[in-house]
Amino acid sequence: MTVPSATRRPAAGSAAPDHAPTAGRFTEVADGVHAYVQHDGGWCLNNAGLVVADGESLLIDTVATEARARALRERVLRRAGRPPRLLVNTHFHGDHTFGNFVFPEALVVGHERAREEAAAAGTHLTGLWPDVCWGDLEVVVPAVTYRDRMTLHVGAHEARLLHTGPAHTTGDTAVWLPGPRVVFAGDLVMSGVTPFCPMGSVSGSLAALARLRALDAVTVVPGHGPVGGPELLDANEGYLRRLQRLAAEGIAAGLTPLQTAREAGPGPYADLLDAERLVPNLHRAYAEALGAAPGDPLDIPALFREMSDHHGGLPACHA
């Protein structure tokens, strides 16, 4: 069983990651295609993307706080020369959407469920980490939605929006650029960071990875962590299959998800950031093993509290 080689635990004596709002950086991964990576990729430190061609641009996701969003806008203008005409949200979570409001020129696009979930959630995420300086946020939900797939054109670039079914959430979008063979996977894929699927599905996440694999992408831009290639799909699949095995064993032994998490620990995935996610992820795996449908709602606030108790405190959020 393999795990991603790019993890974010600093070696002894190395410098800590720079979590300043201005620390995010764009890297051109193909002609006119840019990944915006915020280190170290932990809670609320997500990635975004920018596609620029023929005087037009598409932004893929924003960021969690007002300060980070304004820094992102500055860098987008520097790369594109003008504000983006289109903005795609890969799902509803605030780290990927709260910065929408600093791009008023853009038409926001997302899956129909992402719009519903964003409207229902509002700024709920801010209450989980009240010490974060979120800024003066304004929730902006997708104005244009789709159900299964949609194609956007950004100059010569074709961007295909693909809904994979319940996976990370119930309204995920992957953005596939068939020309340069780059996929912006959102939180369907993590890089050196623990996957998180209690709001979606374990089996659905595996199905989503299979669909992404079929694209034959050269470059995979994950929702969190360093950009990689198809090996990121392998690492995420391995983690999810372990979840399913642990759930089956825990149910057979009469253990709760929390008890199973305590006995099993992170195992070969101990070097991934945010390993505490094992607890809520196991709740989802248990639910599905016991007959729940992918995406059936769980009590997420209760799972977050249980995860924090198991972790020994609130997980660190450097947003």
C-alpha atoms as a PDB file:
ATOM      1  CA  MET A   1       0.000   0.000   0.000  1.00  0.00           C
ATOM      2  CA  THR A   2       1.468   3.354  -1.006  1.00  0.00           C
ATOM      3  CA  VAL A   3       0.928   6.848   0.274  1.00  0.00           C
ATOM      4  CA  PRO A   4       1.729  10.159  -1.426  1.00  0.00           C
ATOM      5  CA  SER A   5       5.384  11.084  -1.330  1.00  0.00           C
ATOM      6  CA  ALA A   6       4.653  14.797  -0.911  1.00  0.00           C
ATOM      7  CA  THR A   7       3.568  15.281   2.681  1.00  0.00           C
ATOM      8  CA  ARG A   8       3.655  18.482   4.632  1.00  0.00           C
ATOM      9  CA  ARG A   9       5.125  17.483   7.970  1.00  0.00           C
ATOM     10  CA  PRO A  10       8.291  19.577   8.264  1.00  0.00           C
ATOM     11  CA  ALA A  11      11.497  17.682   8.861  1.00  0.00           C
ATOM     12  CA  ALA A  12      13.306  18.321  12.107  1.00  0.00           C
ATOM     13  CA  GLY A  13      14.926  21.731  12.015  1.00  0.00           C
ATOM     14  CA  SER A  14      13.096  22.840   8.851  1.00  0.00           C
ATOM     15  CA  ALA A  15      11.110  26.061   8.616  1.00  0.00           C
ATOM     16  CA  ALA A  16       7.405  25.976   9.369  1.00  0.00           C
ATOM     17  CA  PRO A  17       5.030  26.533   6.425  1.00  0.00           C
ATOM     18  CA  ASP A  18       4.191  30.160   5.618  1.00  0.00           C
ATOM     19  CA  HIS A  19       0.504  30.597   6.450  1.00  0.00           C
ATOM     20  CA  ALA A  20       0.303  34.335   5.715  1.00  0.00           C
ATOM     21  CA  PRO A  21      -2.715  35.330   3.574  1.00  0.00           C
ATOM     22  CA  THR A  22      -0.320  36.477   0.859  1.00  0.00           C
ATOM     23  CA  ALA A  23       1.631  33.210   0.811  1.00  0.00           C
ATOM     24  CA  GLY A  24      -0.397  31.509  -1.930  1.00  0.00           C
ATOM     25  CA  ARG A  25       1.395  31.170  -5.252  1.00  0.00           C
ATOM     26  CA  PHE A  26       0.404  30.568  -8.869  1.00  0.00           C
ATOM     27  CA  THR A  27       2.317  27.995 -10.918  1.00  0.00           C
ATOM     28  CA  GLU A  28       1.729  27.545 -14.640  1.00  0.00           C
ATOM     29  CA  VAL A  29       1.048  23.829 -15.161  1.00  0.00           C
ATOM     30  CA  ALA A  30       0.240  24.103 -18.886  1.00  0.00           C
ATOM     31  CA  ASP A  31       0.064  26.910 -21.418  1.00  0.00           C
ATOM     32  CA  GLY A  32      -2.316  29.467 -19.879  1.00  0.00           C
ATOM     33  CA  VAL A  33      -3.324  27.067 -17.084  1.00  0.00           C
ATOM     34  CA  HIS A  34      -2.303  28.005 -13.554  1.00  0.00           C
ATOM     35  CA  ALA A  35      -2.646  26.290 -10.170  1.00  0.00           C
ATOM     36  CA  TYR A  36      -2.895  28.482  -7.059  1.00  0.00           C
ATOM     37  CA  VAL A  37      -1.517  26.509  -4.112  1.00  0.00           C
ATOM     38  CA  GLN A  38      -1.735  27.532  -0.463  1.00  0.00           C
ATOM     39  CA  HIS A  39       0.664  25.713   1.838  1.00  0.00           C
ATOM     40  CA  ASP A  40       0.500  23.507   3.677  1.00  0.00           C
ATOM     41  CA  GLY A  41      -2.929  22.408   2.468  1.00  0.00           C
ATOM     42  CA  GLY A  42      -4.467  21.724   5.894  1.00  0.00           C
ATOM     43  CA  TRP A  43      -7.895  22.791   7.116  1.00  0.00           C
ATOM     44  CA  CYS A  44      -9.188  25.694   4.976  1.00  0.00           C
ATOM     45  CA  LEU A  45      -5.887  26.135   3.079  1.00  0.00           C
ATOM     46  CA  ASN A  46      -7.228  25.109  -0.308  1.00  0.00           C
ATOM     47  CA  ASN A  47      -6.069  25.369  -3.904  1.00  0.00           C
ATOM     48  CA  ALA A  48      -7.616  27.335  -6.752  1.00  0.00           C
ATOM     49  CA  GLY A  49      -6.983  27.559 -10.494  1.00  0.00           C
ATOM     50  CA  LEU A  50      -6.906  30.050 -13.347  1.00  0.00           C
ATOM     51  CA  VAL A  51      -7.286  29.464 -17.077  1.00  0.00           C
ATOM     52  CA  VAL A  52      -6.239  32.359 -19.336  1.00  0.00           C
ATOM     53  CA  ALA A  53      -6.563  32.481 -23.128  1.00  0.00           C
ATOM     54  CA  ASP A  54      -7.239  35.068 -25.815  1.00  0.00           C
ATOM     55  CA  GLY A  55      -7.981  37.869 -23.364  1.00  0.00           C
ATOM     56  CA  GLU A  56     -10.470  35.800 -21.339  1.00  0.00           C
ATOM     57  CA  SER A  57     -10.099  33.951 -18.044  1.00  0.00           C
ATOM     58  CA  LEU A  58     -11.802  31.382 -15.849  1.00  0.00           C
ATOM     59  CA  LEU A  59     -11.166  31.182 -12.112  1.00  0.00           C
ATOM     60  CA  ILE A  60     -11.678  27.817 -10.409  1.00  0.00           C
ATOM     61  CA  ASP A  61     -12.565  28.271  -6.733  1.00  0.00           C
ATOM     62  CA  THR A  62     -11.602  31.068  -4.393  1.00  0.00           C
ATOM     63  CA  VAL A  63     -10.335  30.993  -0.796  1.00  0.00           C
ATOM     64  CA  ALA A  64     -11.512  31.131   2.805  1.00  0.00           C
ATOM     65  CA  THR A  65     -10.957  34.634   4.203  1.00  0.00           C
ATOM     66  CA  GLU A  66     -11.333  38.172   2.968  1.00  0.00           C
ATOM     67  CA  ALA A  67      -7.589  38.819   3.272  1.00  0.00           C
ATOM     68  CA  ARG A  68      -6.733  35.684   1.309  1.00  0.00           C
ATOM     69  CA  ALA A  69      -9.373  36.505  -1.301  1.00  0.00           C
ATOM     70  CA  ARG A  70      -7.986  39.991  -1.864  1.00  0.00           C
ATOM     71  CA  ALA A  71      -4.493  38.556  -2.224  1.00  0.00           C
ATOM     72  CA  LEU A  72      -5.859  36.034  -4.737  1.00  0.00           C
ATOM     73  CA  ARG A  73      -7.585  38.796  -6.708  1.00  0.00           C
ATOM     74  CA  GLU A  74      -4.346  40.757  -6.928  1.00  0.00           C
ATOM     75  CA  ARG A  75      -2.517  37.736  -8.301  1.00  0.00           C
ATOM     76  CA  VAL A  76      -5.328  36.891 -10.749  1.00  0.00           C
ATOM     77  CA  LEU A  77      -5.232  40.429 -12.161  1.00  0.00           C
ATOM     78  CA  ARG A  78      -1.473  40.183 -12.481  1.00  0.00           C
ATOM     79  CA  ARG A  79      -1.745  36.928 -14.449  1.00  0.00           C
ATOM     80  CA  ALA A  80      -4.867  37.603 -16.501  1.00  0.00           C
ATOM     81  CA  GLY A  81      -4.721  41.367 -16.917  1.00  0.00           C
ATOM     82  CA  ARG A  82      -8.393  41.740 -16.080  1.00  0.00           C
ATOM     83  CA  PRO A  83     -10.970  40.150 -13.749  1.00  0.00           C
ATOM     84  CA  PRO A  84     -12.218  36.679 -14.709  1.00  0.00           C
ATOM     85  CA  ARG A  85     -15.437  36.458 -16.687  1.00  0.00           C
ATOM     86  CA  LEU A  86     -16.298  33.053 -15.203  1.00  0.00           C
ATOM     87  CA  LEU A  87     -15.803  31.525 -11.751  1.00  0.00           C
ATOM     88  CA  VAL A  88     -16.460  27.818 -11.116  1.00  0.00           C
ATOM     89  CA  ASN A  89     -16.926  26.500  -7.589  1.00  0.00           C
ATOM     90  CA  THR A  90     -15.957  22.836  -7.260  1.00  0.00           C
ATOM     91  CA  HIS A  91     -18.253  22.460  -4.206  1.00  0.00           C
ATOM     92  CA  PHE A  92     -19.903  24.551  -1.503  1.00  0.00           C
ATOM     93  CA  HIS A  93     -17.337  24.566   1.323  1.00  0.00           C
ATOM     94  CA  GLY A  94     -16.367  28.044   2.446  1.00  0.00           C
ATOM     95  CA  ASP A  95     -12.646  27.616   1.891  1.00  0.00           C
ATOM     96  CA  HIS A  96     -13.441  27.248  -1.815  1.00  0.00           C
ATOM     97  CA  THR A  97     -16.271  29.797  -2.035  1.00  0.00           C
ATOM     98  CA  PHE A  98     -16.061  32.543   0.584  1.00  0.00           C
ATOM     99  CA  GLY A  99     -13.816  34.622  -1.682  1.00  0.00           C
ATOM    100  CA  ASN A 100     -16.390  34.706  -4.508  1.00  0.00           C
ATOM    101  CA  PHE A 101     -17.538  38.154  -3.446  1.00  0.00           C
ATOM    102  CA  VAL A 102     -14.252  39.862  -4.334  1.00  0.00           C
ATOM    103  CA  PHE A 103     -14.839  38.905  -7.994  1.00  0.00           C
ATOM    104  CA  PRO A 104     -18.136  40.740  -8.688  1.00  0.00           C
ATOM    105  CA  GLU A 105     -17.392  40.813 -12.425  1.00  0.00           C
ATOM    106  CA  ALA A 106     -17.491  37.023 -12.671  1.00  0.00           C
ATOM    107  CA  LEU A 107     -20.469  34.802 -13.374  1.00  0.00           C
ATOM    108  CA  VAL A 108     -20.358  32.079 -10.700  1.00  0.00           C
ATOM    109  CA  VAL A 109     -21.058  28.545 -11.957  1.00  0.00           C
ATOM    110  CA  GLY A 110     -21.509  25.343  -9.978  1.00  0.00           C
ATOM    111  CA  HIS A 111     -23.472  22.147  -9.614  1.00  0.00           C
ATOM    112  CA  GLU A 112     -27.123  22.633  -8.659  1.00  0.00           C
ATOM    113  CA  ARG A 113     -26.543  20.893  -5.329  1.00  0.00           C
ATOM    114  CA  ALA A 114     -23.542  23.125  -4.607  1.00  0.00           C
ATOM    115  CA  ARG A 115     -25.774  26.176  -4.946  1.00  0.00           C
ATOM    116  CA  GLU A 116     -28.341  24.686  -2.554  1.00  0.00           C
ATOM    117  CA  GLU A 117     -25.686  23.628  -0.061  1.00  0.00           C
ATOM    118  CA  ALA A 118     -23.881  26.972  -0.149  1.00  0.00           C
ATOM    119  CA  ALA A 119     -27.114  28.861   0.468  1.00  0.00           C
ATOM    120  CA  ALA A 120     -28.013  26.555   3.359  1.00  0.00           C
ATOM    121  CA  ALA A 121     -24.556  26.677   4.953  1.00  0.00           C
ATOM    122  CA  GLY A 122     -24.015  30.427   4.741  1.00  0.00           C
ATOM    123  CA  THR A 123     -20.983  31.313   6.863  1.00  0.00           C
ATOM    124  CA  HIS A 124     -21.403  28.331   9.208  1.00  0.00           C
ATOM    125  CA  LEU A 125     -17.773  27.357   8.665  1.00  0.00           C
ATOM    126  CA  THR A 126     -16.608  30.483  10.483  1.00  0.00           C
ATOM    127  CA  GLY A 127     -18.213  29.230  13.704  1.00  0.00           C
ATOM    128  CA  LEU A 128     -16.003  26.134  13.731  1.00  0.00           C
ATOM    129  CA  TRP A 129     -12.868  28.268  14.095  1.00  0.00           C
ATOM    130  CA  PRO A 130     -13.957  31.532  15.749  1.00  0.00           C
ATOM    131  CA  ASP A 131     -10.356  32.680  16.266  1.00  0.00           C
ATOM    132  CA  VAL A 132      -9.655  32.869  12.519  1.00  0.00           C
ATOM    133  CA  CYS A 133      -9.784  36.389  11.069  1.00  0.00           C
ATOM    134  CA  TRP A 134     -12.414  35.674   8.435  1.00  0.00           C
ATOM    135  CA  GLY A 135     -13.020  39.317   7.492  1.00  0.00           C
ATOM    136  CA  ASP A 136     -16.253  40.881   6.272  1.00  0.00           C
ATOM    137  CA  LEU A 137     -17.578  37.992   4.188  1.00  0.00           C
ATOM    138  CA  GLU A 138     -20.496  38.026   1.768  1.00  0.00           C
ATOM    139  CA  VAL A 139     -21.862  34.676   0.588  1.00  0.00           C
ATOM    140  CA  VAL A 140     -22.185  34.522  -3.205  1.00  0.00           C
ATOM    141  CA  VAL A 141     -23.725  31.299  -4.525  1.00  0.00           C
ATOM    142  CA  PRO A 142     -23.584  30.041  -8.137  1.00  0.00           C
ATOM    143  CA  ALA A 143     -25.878  32.010 -10.440  1.00  0.00           C
ATOM    144  CA  VAL A 144     -25.659  29.371 -13.162  1.00  0.00           C
ATOM    145  CA  THR A 145     -25.998  25.688 -12.306  1.00  0.00           C
ATOM    146  CA  TYR A 146     -25.844  22.390 -14.148  1.00  0.00           C
ATOM    147  CA  ARG A 147     -26.877  18.822 -13.330  1.00  0.00           C
ATOM    148  CA  ASP A 148     -24.564  16.329 -15.057  1.00  0.00           C
ATOM    149  CA  ARG A 149     -22.070  18.145 -17.237  1.00  0.00           C
ATOM    150  CA  MET A 150     -21.414  21.529 -18.796  1.00  0.00           C
ATOM    151  CA  THR A 151     -18.806  22.903 -21.175  1.00  0.00           C
ATOM    152  CA  LEU A 152     -17.303  26.371 -20.844  1.00  0.00           C
ATOM    153  CA  HIS A 153     -15.100  28.051 -23.437  1.00  0.00           C
ATOM    154  CA  VAL A 154     -12.256  30.313 -22.398  1.00  0.00           C
ATOM    155  CA  GLY A 155     -10.677  31.537 -25.600  1.00  0.00           C
ATOM    156  CA  ALA A 156      -9.145  28.460 -27.202  1.00  0.00           C
ATOM    157  CA  HIS A 157      -9.488  26.417 -24.024  1.00  0.00           C
ATOM    158  CA  GLU A 158     -12.414  24.058 -23.472  1.00  0.00           C
ATOM    159  CA  ALA A 159     -13.292  23.446 -19.811  1.00  0.00           C
ATOM    160  CA  ARG A 160     -15.632  20.547 -19.128  1.00  0.00           C
ATOM    161  CA  LEU A 161     -17.470  20.544 -15.808  1.00  0.00           C
ATOM    162  CA  LEU A 162     -18.175  17.019 -14.593  1.00  0.00           C
ATOM    163  CA  HIS A 163     -20.435  16.027 -11.713  1.00  0.00           C
ATOM    164  CA  THR A 164     -19.402  12.688 -10.262  1.00  0.00           C
ATOM    165  CA  GLY A 165     -22.274  12.068  -7.828  1.00  0.00           C
ATOM    166  CA  PRO A 166     -21.951  12.199  -4.025  1.00  0.00           C
ATOM    167  CA  ALA A 167     -18.267  12.006  -3.135  1.00  0.00           C
ATOM    168  CA  HIS A 168     -16.598  14.767  -1.102  1.00  0.00           C
ATOM    169  CA  THR A 169     -20.029  16.451  -0.972  1.00  0.00           C
ATOM    170  CA  THR A 170     -23.202  15.835  -2.954  1.00  0.00           C
ATOM    171  CA  GLY A 171     -22.482  18.693  -5.370  1.00  0.00           C
ATOM    172  CA  ASP A 172     -18.878  18.219  -6.492  1.00  0.00           C
ATOM    173  CA  THR A 173     -17.478  19.453  -9.794  1.00  0.00           C
ATOM    174  CA  ALA A 174     -14.255  18.425 -11.485  1.00  0.00           C
ATOM    175  CA  VAL A 175     -12.974  20.784 -14.187  1.00  0.00           C
ATOM    176  CA  TRP A 176     -11.366  18.889 -17.050  1.00  0.00           C
ATOM    177  CA  LEU A 177      -9.246  20.632 -19.689  1.00  0.00           C
ATOM    178  CA  PRO A 178      -8.886  17.996 -22.425  1.00  0.00           C
ATOM    179  CA  GLY A 179      -6.402  20.028 -24.502  1.00  0.00           C
ATOM    180  CA  PRO A 180      -3.553  20.178 -21.954  1.00  0.00           C
ATOM    181  CA  ARG A 181      -4.954  17.136 -20.071  1.00  0.00           C
ATOM    182  CA  VAL A 182      -5.228  18.961 -16.761  1.00  0.00           C
ATOM    183  CA  VAL A 183      -7.964  18.238 -14.232  1.00  0.00           C
ATOM    184  CA  PHE A 184      -8.857  20.523 -11.347  1.00  0.00           C
ATOM    185  CA  ALA A 185     -10.301  17.924  -9.001  1.00  0.00           C
ATOM    186  CA  GLY A 186     -11.413  20.076  -6.084  1.00  0.00           C
ATOM    187  CA  ASP A 187     -11.606  18.067  -2.880  1.00  0.00           C
ATOM    188  CA  LEU A 188     -12.285  14.846  -4.753  1.00  0.00           C
ATOM    189  CA  VAL A 189      -8.499  14.528  -4.550  1.00  0.00           C
ATOM    190  CA  MET A 190      -6.095  15.507  -1.765  1.00  0.00           C
ATOM    191  CA  SER A 191      -2.295  15.579  -1.971  1.00  0.00           C
ATOM    192  CA  GLY A 192      -0.502  14.682   1.229  1.00  0.00           C
ATOM    193  CA  VAL A 193      -3.704  15.575   3.078  1.00  0.00           C
ATOM    194  CA  THR A 194      -6.290  13.182   4.520  1.00  0.00           C
ATOM    195  CA  PRO A 195      -9.402  12.796   2.332  1.00  0.00           C
ATOM    196  CA  PHE A 196     -12.696  13.980   3.845  1.00  0.00           C
ATOM    197  CA  CYS A 197     -16.035  12.496   2.818  1.00  0.00           C
ATOM    198  CA  PRO A 198     -18.578  12.504   5.698  1.00  0.00           C
ATOM    199  CA  MET A 199     -20.755  14.947   3.721  1.00  0.00           C
ATOM    200  CA  GLY A 200     -20.657  12.754   0.638  1.00  0.00           C
ATOM    201  CA  SER A 201     -19.725   9.115   0.201  1.00  0.00           C
ATOM    202  CA  VAL A 202     -16.847   6.661   0.485  1.00  0.00           C
ATOM    203  CA  SER A 203     -18.107   4.472  -2.349  1.00  0.00           C
ATOM    204  CA  GLY A 204     -19.003   7.597  -4.323  1.00  0.00           C
ATOM    205  CA  SER A 205     -15.496   8.978  -3.816  1.00  0.00           C
ATOM    206  CA  LEU A 206     -14.061   5.752  -5.215  1.00  0.00           C
ATOM    207  CA  ALA A 207     -16.394   6.013  -8.203  1.00  0.00           C
ATOM    208  CA  ALA A 208     -15.329   9.630  -8.706  1.00  0.00           C
ATOM    209  CA  LEU A 209     -11.661   8.623  -8.677  1.00  0.00           C
ATOM    210  CA  ALA A 210     -12.373   5.949 -11.280  1.00  0.00           C
ATOM    211  CA  ARG A 211     -14.034   8.544 -13.482  1.00  0.00           C
ATOM    212  CA  LEU A 212     -11.115  10.928 -13.077  1.00  0.00           C
ATOM    213  CA  ARG A 213      -8.694   8.108 -13.869  1.00  0.00           C
ATOM    214  CA  ALA A 214     -10.555   7.441 -17.124  1.00  0.00           C
ATOM    215  CA  LEU A 215      -9.790  11.001 -18.254  1.00  0.00           C
ATOM    216  CA  ASP A 216      -6.107  10.040 -18.527  1.00  0.00           C
ATOM    217  CA  ALA A 217      -4.987  13.389 -17.111  1.00  0.00           C
ATOM    218  CA  VAL A 218      -1.304  14.280 -17.097  1.00  0.00           C
ATOM    219  CA  THR A 219      -1.687  16.879 -14.342  1.00  0.00           C
ATOM    220  CA  VAL A 220      -3.993  16.634 -11.327  1.00  0.00           C
ATOM    221  CA  VAL A 221      -4.603  19.794  -9.315  1.00  0.00           C
ATOM    222  CA  PRO A 222      -5.988  18.611  -5.961  1.00  0.00           C
ATOM    223  CA  GLY A 223      -8.241  20.587  -3.658  1.00  0.00           C
ATOM    224  CA  HIS A 224      -5.477  20.740  -1.034  1.00  0.00           C
ATOM    225  CA  GLY A 225      -1.750  20.110  -1.245  1.00  0.00           C
ATOM    226  CA  PRO A 226       0.855  20.038  -4.025  1.00  0.00           C
ATOM    227  CA  VAL A 227      -0.006  19.505  -7.672  1.00  0.00           C
ATOM    228  CA  GLY A 228       0.726  16.005  -8.927  1.00  0.00           C
ATOM    229  CA  GLY A 229      -0.266  13.430 -11.482  1.00  0.00           C
ATOM    230  CA  PRO A 230      -2.284  10.191 -11.585  1.00  0.00           C
ATOM    231  CA  GLU A 231      -0.384   8.891  -8.550  1.00  0.00           C
ATOM    232  CA  LEU A 232      -2.581  11.147  -6.414  1.00  0.00           C
ATOM    233  CA  LEU A 233      -5.601   9.106  -7.489  1.00  0.00           C
ATOM    234  CA  ASP A 234      -3.860   5.919  -6.352  1.00  0.00           C
ATOM    235  CA  ALA A 235      -3.052   7.368  -2.924  1.00  0.00           C
ATOM    236  CA  ASN A 236      -6.606   8.585  -2.321  1.00  0.00           C
ATOM    237  CA  GLU A 237      -8.061   5.277  -3.481  1.00  0.00           C
ATOM    238  CA  GLY A 238      -5.852   3.372  -1.055  1.00  0.00           C
ATOM    239  CA  TYR A 239      -7.030   5.474   1.872  1.00  0.00           C
ATOM    240  CA  LEU A 240     -10.709   5.078   0.952  1.00  0.00           C
ATOM    241  CA  ARG A 241     -10.459   1.314   0.536  1.00  0.00           C
ATOM    242  CA  ARG A 242      -8.853   1.080   3.960  1.00  0.00           C
ATOM    243  CA  LEU A 243     -11.861   2.971   5.347  1.00  0.00           C
ATOM    244  CA  GLN A 244     -14.191   0.383   3.875  1.00  0.00           C
ATOM    245  CA  ARG A 245     -12.132  -2.482   5.306  1.00  0.00           C
ATOM    246  CA  LEU A 246     -11.985  -0.880   8.758  1.00  0.00           C
ATOM    247  CA  ALA A 247     -15.728  -0.268   8.742  1.00  0.00           C
ATOM    248  CA  ALA A 248     -16.472  -3.882   7.830  1.00  0.00           C
ATOM    249  CA  GLU A 249     -14.117  -5.163  10.535  1.00  0.00           C
ATOM    250  CA  GLY A 250     -15.440  -2.733  13.134  1.00  0.00           C
ATOM    251  CA  ILE A 251     -19.055  -3.645  12.479  1.00  0.00           C
ATOM    252  CA  ALA A 252     -18.229  -7.353  12.673  1.00  0.00           C
ATOM    253  CA  ALA A 253     -16.483  -6.763  16.022  1.00  0.00           C
ATOM    254  CA  GLY A 254     -19.355  -4.688  17.433  1.00  0.00           C
ATOM    255  CA  LEU A 255     -17.227  -1.542  17.656  1.00  0.00           C
ATOM    256  CA  THR A 256     -18.349   2.038  17.098  1.00  0.00           C
ATOM    257  CA  PRO A 257     -16.585   4.179  14.479  1.00  0.00           C
ATOM    258  CA  LEU A 258     -14.734   6.002  17.256  1.00  0.00           C
ATOM    259  CA  GLN A 259     -13.596   2.732  18.837  1.00  0.00           C
ATOM    260  CA  THR A 260     -12.415   1.481  15.468  1.00  0.00           C
ATOM    261  CA  ALA A 261     -10.503   4.710  14.872  1.00  0.00           C
ATOM    262  CA  ARG A 262      -8.819   4.373  18.267  1.00  0.00           C
ATOM    263  CA  GLU A 263      -7.817   0.762  17.662  1.00  0.00           C
ATOM    264  CA  ALA A 264      -6.702   1.140  14.046  1.00  0.00           C
ATOM    265  CA  GLY A 265      -5.139   4.593  14.103  1.00  0.00           C
ATOM    266  CA  PRO A 266      -4.030   6.221  10.844  1.00  0.00           C
ATOM    267  CA  GLY A 267      -1.875   3.232   9.928  1.00  0.00           C
ATOM    268  CA  PRO A 268       0.110   3.793   6.723  1.00  0.00           C
ATOM    269  CA  TYR A 269      -1.457   7.244   6.366  1.00  0.00           C
ATOM    270  CA  ALA A 270       0.000   8.712   9.561  1.00  0.00           C
ATOM    271  CA  ASP A 271       2.062  11.243   7.604  1.00  0.00           C
ATOM    272  CA  LEU A 272      -0.973  12.800   5.939  1.00  0.00           C
ATOM    273  CA  LEU A 273      -2.102  16.115   7.337  1.00  0.00           C
ATOM    274  CA  ASP A 274      -5.335  16.163   9.360  1.00  0.00           C
ATOM    275  CA  ALA A 275      -5.320  12.449  10.244  1.00  0.00           C
ATOM    276  CA  GLU A 276      -8.126  13.147  12.752  1.00  0.00           C
ATOM    277  CA  ARG A 277     -10.538  13.009   9.812  1.00  0.00           C
ATOM    278  CA  LEU A 278     -10.456   9.241  10.215  1.00  0.00           C
ATOM    279  CA  VAL A 279     -13.260   9.519  12.802  1.00  0.00           C
ATOM    280  CA  PRO A 280     -15.936  11.264  10.680  1.00  0.00           C
ATOM    281  CA  ASN A 281     -14.811   9.357   7.590  1.00  0.00           C
ATOM    282  CA  LEU A 282     -15.439   6.077   9.433  1.00  0.00           C
ATOM    283  CA  HIS A 283     -18.927   7.256  10.378  1.00  0.00           C
ATOM    284  CA  ARG A 284     -19.664   7.641   6.671  1.00  0.00           C
ATOM    285  CA  ALA A 285     -18.115   4.256   5.872  1.00  0.00           C
ATOM    286  CA  TYR A 286     -20.159   2.605   8.647  1.00  0.00           C
ATOM    287  CA  ALA A 287     -23.364   4.256   7.425  1.00  0.00           C
ATOM    288  CA  GLU A 288     -22.852   2.963   3.900  1.00  0.00           C
ATOM    289  CA  ALA A 289     -21.869  -0.503   5.072  1.00  0.00           C
ATOM    290  CA  LEU A 290     -25.130  -0.586   7.040  1.00  0.00           C
ATOM    291  CA  GLY A 291     -27.244   0.400   4.052  1.00  0.00           C
ATOM    292  CA  ALA A 292     -27.260   4.194   3.882  1.00  0.00           C
ATOM    293  CA  ALA A 293     -27.251   5.681   0.408  1.00  0.00           C
ATOM    294  CA  PRO A 294     -24.350   7.860  -0.721  1.00  0.00           C
ATOM    295  CA  GLY A 295     -24.993  11.430   0.391  1.00  0.00           C
ATOM    296  CA  ASP A 296     -27.567  10.560   3.049  1.00  0.00           C
ATOM    297  CA  PRO A 297     -27.153  13.285   5.700  1.00  0.00           C
ATOM    298  CA  LEU A 298     -25.160  12.655   8.868  1.00  0.00           C
ATOM    299  CA  ASP A 299     -24.970  14.869  11.952  1.00  0.00           C
ATOM    300  CA  ILE A 300     -21.854  16.744  10.863  1.00  0.00           C
ATOM    301  CA  PRO A 301     -21.608  19.059  13.913  1.00  0.00           C
ATOM    302  CA  ALA A 302     -21.739  16.021  16.206  1.00  0.00           C
ATOM    303  CA  LEU A 303     -19.070  14.260  14.123  1.00  0.00           C
ATOM    304  CA  PHE A 304     -16.864  17.355  14.228  1.00  0.00           C
ATOM    305  CA  ARG A 305     -17.150  17.459  18.030  1.00  0.00           C
ATOM    306  CA  GLU A 306     -16.304  13.763  18.289  1.00  0.00           C
ATOM    307  CA  MET A 307     -13.351  14.244  15.958  1.00  0.00           C
ATOM    308  CA  SER A 308     -12.080  17.164  18.053  1.00  0.00           C
ATOM    309  CA  ASP A 309     -12.465  15.177  21.281  1.00  0.00           C
ATOM    310  CA  HIS A 310     -10.566  12.257  19.765  1.00  0.00           C
ATOM    311  CA  HIS A 311      -7.889  14.660  18.516  1.00  0.00           C
ATOM    312  CA  GLY A 312      -7.513  16.203  21.949  1.00  0.00           C
ATOM    313  CA  GLY A 313      -8.759  19.607  20.884  1.00  0.00           C
ATOM    314  CA  LEU A 314      -9.880  21.644  17.910  1.00  0.00           C
ATOM    315  CA  PRO A 315      -7.845  20.787  14.794  1.00  0.00           C
ATOM    316  CA  ALA A 316      -5.493  23.563  13.709  1.00  0.00           C
ATOM    317  CA  CYS A 317      -6.836  25.906  11.048  1.00  0.00           C
ATOM    318  CA  HIS A 318      -4.330  28.436   9.692  1.00  0.00           C
ATOM    319  CA  ALA A 319      -6.731  30.248   7.365  1.00  0.00           C
END
